[in-house]
C-alpha cells in the first residue's frame, strides 16, 4: 500500500505540470498522502521530471522522518492539515499562476460562480502571510481551511485537500480556473456575487454530486 501511495504522489506531481499548475523543470509546490500514523510527502527541491517513488519521504506524526532526501520545507502545514481535518487524506500545494496573482494582492475568491462550492465553502479564503515552512504559516492556513477545502496563501500560492489525491487535484485545478476567471472579471468592472442562501443550496447539492447509487 505504501508503494502504491508513493506512486500516486509521483504520478500526480507530474500531472500538475500537464494541467498547468506547475513546472516540469523546477520544484512545483508539494504533495502528500496520509497513511495511518504517518504521511508521504514530496522531497525538498526535486523537480517533477526527476521524481521517483524512492524519493518520496515518509514523515510520522511523531516527528520521525524516513527517506534519502529532506522532506519538503512545507511539511509542517501538511502535518497540521492532517491533524486538524479528519477528511484530509491528500494535499496539493502549488504556485499556480492565477492563484498566485490573487494571493499577492491578498485577495480571496468570492462566490462569483457556483463552482466555488466544489471546495465545500462559500468562498476560497486567503490565508495571512507568514514565512514559508514556518509554524505561523501552518496556523494561518489551517485557520483559512476552516471555511473551505482550499485556500490561497498570501504572497505564495494555493493549497487544497481531499478525500484522496484525485479529489485534491480536482479541487486545485478548479480553484486555479476560478482564480483565472476572477482575475479577468475584476478588470471588466463590478463583480456580482451569488447570495448566501443560493450558495448554501449549491454546497448541499455538491455534497451528493457524482454518487452512483440512487439510494445514497
Protein backbone atom coordinates (compact mmCIF):
# COMPACT_ATOMS: atom_id res chain seq x y z
CA UNK A 1 0.00 0.00 0.00
CA UNK A 2 2.81 2.44 0.83
CA UNK A 3 4.39 1.93 -2.62
CA UNK A 4 1.00 2.50 -4.25
CA UNK A 5 0.50 5.76 -2.39
CA UNK A 6 4.02 6.94 -3.16
CA UNK A 7 3.47 6.15 -6.84
CA UNK A 8 0.25 8.16 -6.75
CA UNK A 9 2.22 11.17 -5.50
CA UNK A 10 4.81 10.76 -8.27
CA UNK A 11 2.14 10.43 -10.96
CA UNK A 12 0.17 13.42 -9.67
CA UNK A 13 3.28 15.59 -9.31
CA UNK A 14 3.97 15.05 -12.99
CA UNK A 15 0.30 15.60 -13.82
CA UNK A 16 0.15 19.04 -12.19
CA UNK A 17 2.51 20.22 -14.90
CA UNK A 18 0.28 18.82 -17.64
CA UNK A 19 -2.75 20.67 -16.25
CA UNK A 20 -0.88 23.96 -15.92
CA UNK A 21 -0.31 24.10 -12.17
CA UNK A 22 3.47 23.77 -12.16
CA UNK A 23 6.78 23.44 -13.98
CA UNK A 24 8.43 20.22 -15.10
CA UNK A 25 11.95 21.54 -14.57
CA UNK A 26 11.52 23.22 -11.20
CA UNK A 27 10.15 22.11 -7.85
CA UNK A 28 6.44 22.85 -8.33
CA UNK A 29 4.89 23.05 -4.89
CA UNK A 30 4.47 19.84 -2.92
CA UNK A 31 2.07 16.91 -2.49
CA UNK A 32 1.34 14.38 0.23
CA UNK A 33 -0.89 11.45 1.14
CA UNK A 34 -1.89 10.33 4.63
CA UNK A 35 -1.20 6.73 5.69
CA UNK A 36 -2.39 5.98 9.23
CA UNK A 37 0.03 7.46 11.77
CA UNK A 38 2.25 8.90 9.05
CA UNK A 39 2.17 10.55 5.64
CA UNK A 40 4.23 10.56 2.47
CA UNK A 41 5.42 13.87 1.05
CA UNK A 42 7.48 15.09 -1.89
CA UNK A 43 11.15 15.82 -1.09
CA UNK A 44 12.69 19.27 -0.98
CA UNK A 45 13.94 20.66 -4.28
CA UNK A 46 13.26 17.70 -6.60
CA UNK A 47 11.58 18.58 -9.90
CA UNK A 48 8.61 16.58 -11.26
CA UNK A 49 10.66 15.30 -14.19
CA UNK A 50 13.21 13.75 -11.80
CA UNK A 51 10.91 12.44 -9.06
CA UNK A 52 10.74 8.69 -8.41
CA UNK A 53 8.94 6.53 -5.85
CA UNK A 54 12.20 6.07 -3.97
CA UNK A 55 12.47 9.84 -3.50
CA UNK A 56 9.18 10.18 -1.57
CA UNK A 57 9.76 10.88 2.13
CA UNK A 58 7.87 9.21 4.97
CA UNK A 59 7.01 11.52 7.87
CA UNK A 60 5.47 10.33 11.12
CA UNK A 61 3.09 12.43 13.14
CA UNK A 62 5.55 11.85 15.98
CA UNK A 63 8.16 13.83 14.03
CA UNK A 64 10.11 10.89 12.61
CA UNK A 65 11.46 11.18 9.05
CA UNK A 66 12.47 8.32 6.77
CA UNK A 67 13.90 8.96 3.31
CA UNK A 68 17.06 9.68 1.35
CA UNK A 69 16.13 13.35 0.94
CA UNK A 70 14.80 16.01 3.28
CA UNK A 71 11.01 16.35 3.17
CA UNK A 72 9.50 19.44 1.61
CA UNK A 73 10.10 22.65 3.51
CA UNK A 74 6.30 22.94 3.70
CA UNK A 75 5.93 19.67 5.60
CA UNK A 76 4.67 21.48 8.75
CA UNK A 77 1.44 22.60 7.12
CA UNK A 78 0.86 19.17 5.56
CA UNK A 79 1.22 17.62 9.03
CA UNK A 80 -1.08 20.16 10.65
CA UNK A 81 -3.78 19.90 8.00
CA UNK A 82 -3.92 16.13 8.54
CA UNK A 83 -4.07 16.60 12.30
CA UNK A 84 -6.70 19.32 12.11
CA UNK A 85 -9.02 17.97 9.40
CA UNK A 86 -10.14 14.34 9.53
CA UNK A 87 -11.39 14.50 5.93
CA UNK A 88 -7.95 15.36 4.61
CA UNK A 89 -6.33 12.28 3.07
CA UNK A 90 -4.26 14.01 0.39
CA UNK A 91 -2.88 17.54 -0.11
CA UNK A 92 -1.85 19.51 -3.19
CA UNK A 93 0.11 22.76 -2.89
CA UNK A 94 1.18 24.72 -5.97
CA UNK A 95 2.28 28.17 -7.08
CA UNK A 96 -0.32 28.16 -9.84
CA UNK A 97 -0.23 31.39 -11.87
CA UNK A 98 -3.60 33.00 -11.22
CA UNK A 99 -3.91 31.78 -7.64
CA UNK A 100 -0.50 33.34 -7.00
CA UNK A 101 -1.53 36.61 -8.64
CA UNK A 102 -4.56 36.95 -6.36
CA UNK A 103 -2.58 35.78 -3.33
CA UNK A 104 0.00 38.51 -3.95
CA UNK A 105 -2.85 41.01 -3.73
CA UNK A 106 -4.03 39.23 -0.54
CA UNK A 107 -7.40 38.67 -2.20
CA UNK A 108 -9.84 35.82 -1.58
CA UNK A 109 -12.05 34.39 -4.32
CA UNK A 110 -15.67 35.32 -3.51
CA UNK A 111 -18.78 33.44 -4.73
CA UNK A 112 -18.96 34.91 -8.22
CA UNK A 113 -19.50 31.40 -9.67
CA UNK A 114 -21.29 28.41 -8.17
CA UNK A 115 -18.21 26.20 -8.73
CA UNK A 116 -16.68 27.83 -5.66
CA UNK A 117 -18.73 25.21 -3.79
CA UNK A 118 -16.55 22.39 -5.15
CA UNK A 119 -14.24 23.12 -2.21
CA UNK A 120 -17.11 22.89 0.28
CA UNK A 121 -17.44 26.56 1.19
CA UNK A 122 -18.90 29.86 0.05
CA UNK A 123 -15.55 31.34 -0.95
CA UNK A 124 -11.89 30.46 -1.36
CA UNK A 125 -10.26 32.37 1.52
CA UNK A 126 -6.75 33.76 1.54
CA UNK A 127 -4.53 32.77 4.48
CA UNK A 128 -2.49 35.57 6.02
CA UNK A 129 1.16 35.78 5.04
CA UNK A 130 3.91 34.08 7.00
CA UNK A 131 7.36 32.80 6.01
CA UNK A 132 7.29 29.57 4.01
CA UNK A 133 7.85 26.47 6.10
CA UNK A 134 7.02 28.26 9.36
CA UNK A 135 4.61 27.21 12.09
CA UNK A 136 2.94 30.60 11.69
CA UNK A 137 2.13 29.81 8.06
CA UNK A 138 0.74 26.44 9.08
CA UNK A 139 -1.52 28.11 11.65
CA UNK A 140 -2.72 30.67 9.11
CA UNK A 141 -3.52 28.01 6.52
CA UNK A 142 -5.42 25.82 8.97
CA UNK A 143 -7.46 28.84 10.04
CA UNK A 144 -8.38 29.62 6.42
CA UNK A 145 -9.27 25.99 5.72
CA UNK A 146 -11.99 26.10 8.37
CA UNK A 147 -14.07 27.72 5.60
CA UNK A 148 -13.11 25.57 2.64
CA UNK A 149 -11.05 22.59 1.45
CA UNK A 150 -8.85 25.06 -0.43
CA UNK A 151 -7.30 28.43 0.23
CA UNK A 152 -4.91 30.90 -1.27
CA UNK A 153 -1.73 31.69 0.68
CA UNK A 154 -0.82 35.38 0.74
CA UNK A 155 2.21 36.16 -1.49
CA UNK A 156 2.71 32.45 -2.08
CA UNK A 157 0.20 30.22 -3.91
CA UNK A 158 -2.61 27.84 -3.03
CA UNK A 159 -3.32 24.61 -1.18
CA UNK A 160 -6.18 22.10 -1.41
CA UNK A 161 -7.02 18.85 0.31
CA UNK A 162 -9.36 15.99 -0.47
CA UNK A 163 -10.58 12.53 0.50
CA UNK A 164 -7.93 11.19 -1.90
CA UNK A 165 -5.33 12.58 -4.29
CA UNK A 166 -7.74 12.67 -7.21
CA UNK A 167 -10.14 14.91 -5.32
CA UNK A 168 -7.36 17.15 -4.01
CA UNK A 169 -6.04 17.63 -7.56
CA UNK A 170 -9.54 18.20 -8.94
CA UNK A 171 -10.16 20.95 -6.39
CA UNK A 172 -6.76 22.52 -7.03
CA UNK A 173 -7.37 22.61 -10.78
CA UNK A 174 -10.82 24.15 -10.38
CA UNK A 175 -9.57 26.77 -7.90
CA UNK A 176 -6.91 27.85 -10.42
CA UNK A 177 -9.62 28.00 -13.10
CA UNK A 178 -11.79 30.16 -10.84
CA UNK A 179 -8.82 32.37 -9.99
CA UNK A 180 -8.18 32.98 -13.69
CA UNK A 181 -11.83 33.84 -14.32
CA UNK A 182 -11.90 36.19 -11.34
CA UNK A 183 -8.71 37.96 -12.44
CA UNK A 184 -10.39 38.74 -15.77
CA UNK A 185 -13.70 39.72 -14.18
CA UNK A 186 -12.24 42.32 -11.82
CA UNK A 187 -10.67 44.01 -14.83
CA UNK A 188 -14.05 44.29 -16.55
CA UNK A 189 -15.87 46.04 -13.72
CA UNK A 190 -18.12 45.31 -10.76
CA UNK A 191 -18.42 41.61 -9.96
CA UNK A 192 -21.86 40.40 -8.92
CA UNK A 193 -21.81 37.66 -6.28
CA UNK A 194 -24.14 34.76 -5.57
CA UNK A 195 -26.19 35.24 -2.40
CA UNK A 196 -25.56 33.16 0.74
CA UNK A 197 -28.86 31.27 0.53
CA UNK A 198 -28.11 30.11 -3.01
CA UNK A 199 -24.55 29.14 -2.09
CA UNK A 200 -25.92 27.06 0.80
CA UNK A 201 -28.16 25.26 -1.70
CA UNK A 202 -25.28 24.68 -4.11
CA UNK A 203 -23.00 23.38 -1.34
CA UNK A 204 -25.73 20.93 -0.34
CA UNK A 205 -26.10 19.75 -3.94
CA UNK A 206 -22.34 19.29 -4.25
CA UNK A 207 -22.31 17.11 -1.14
CA UNK A 208 -24.15 14.37 -3.07
CA UNK A 209 -22.89 15.18 -6.56
CA UNK A 210 -21.47 12.28 -8.55
CA UNK A 211 -22.71 9.43 -6.34
CA UNK A 212 -23.73 6.47 -8.47
CA UNK A 213 -26.32 4.82 -6.28
CA UNK A 214 -29.79 6.35 -6.23
CA UNK A 215 -30.14 5.03 -2.65
CA UNK A 216 -27.28 7.15 -1.30
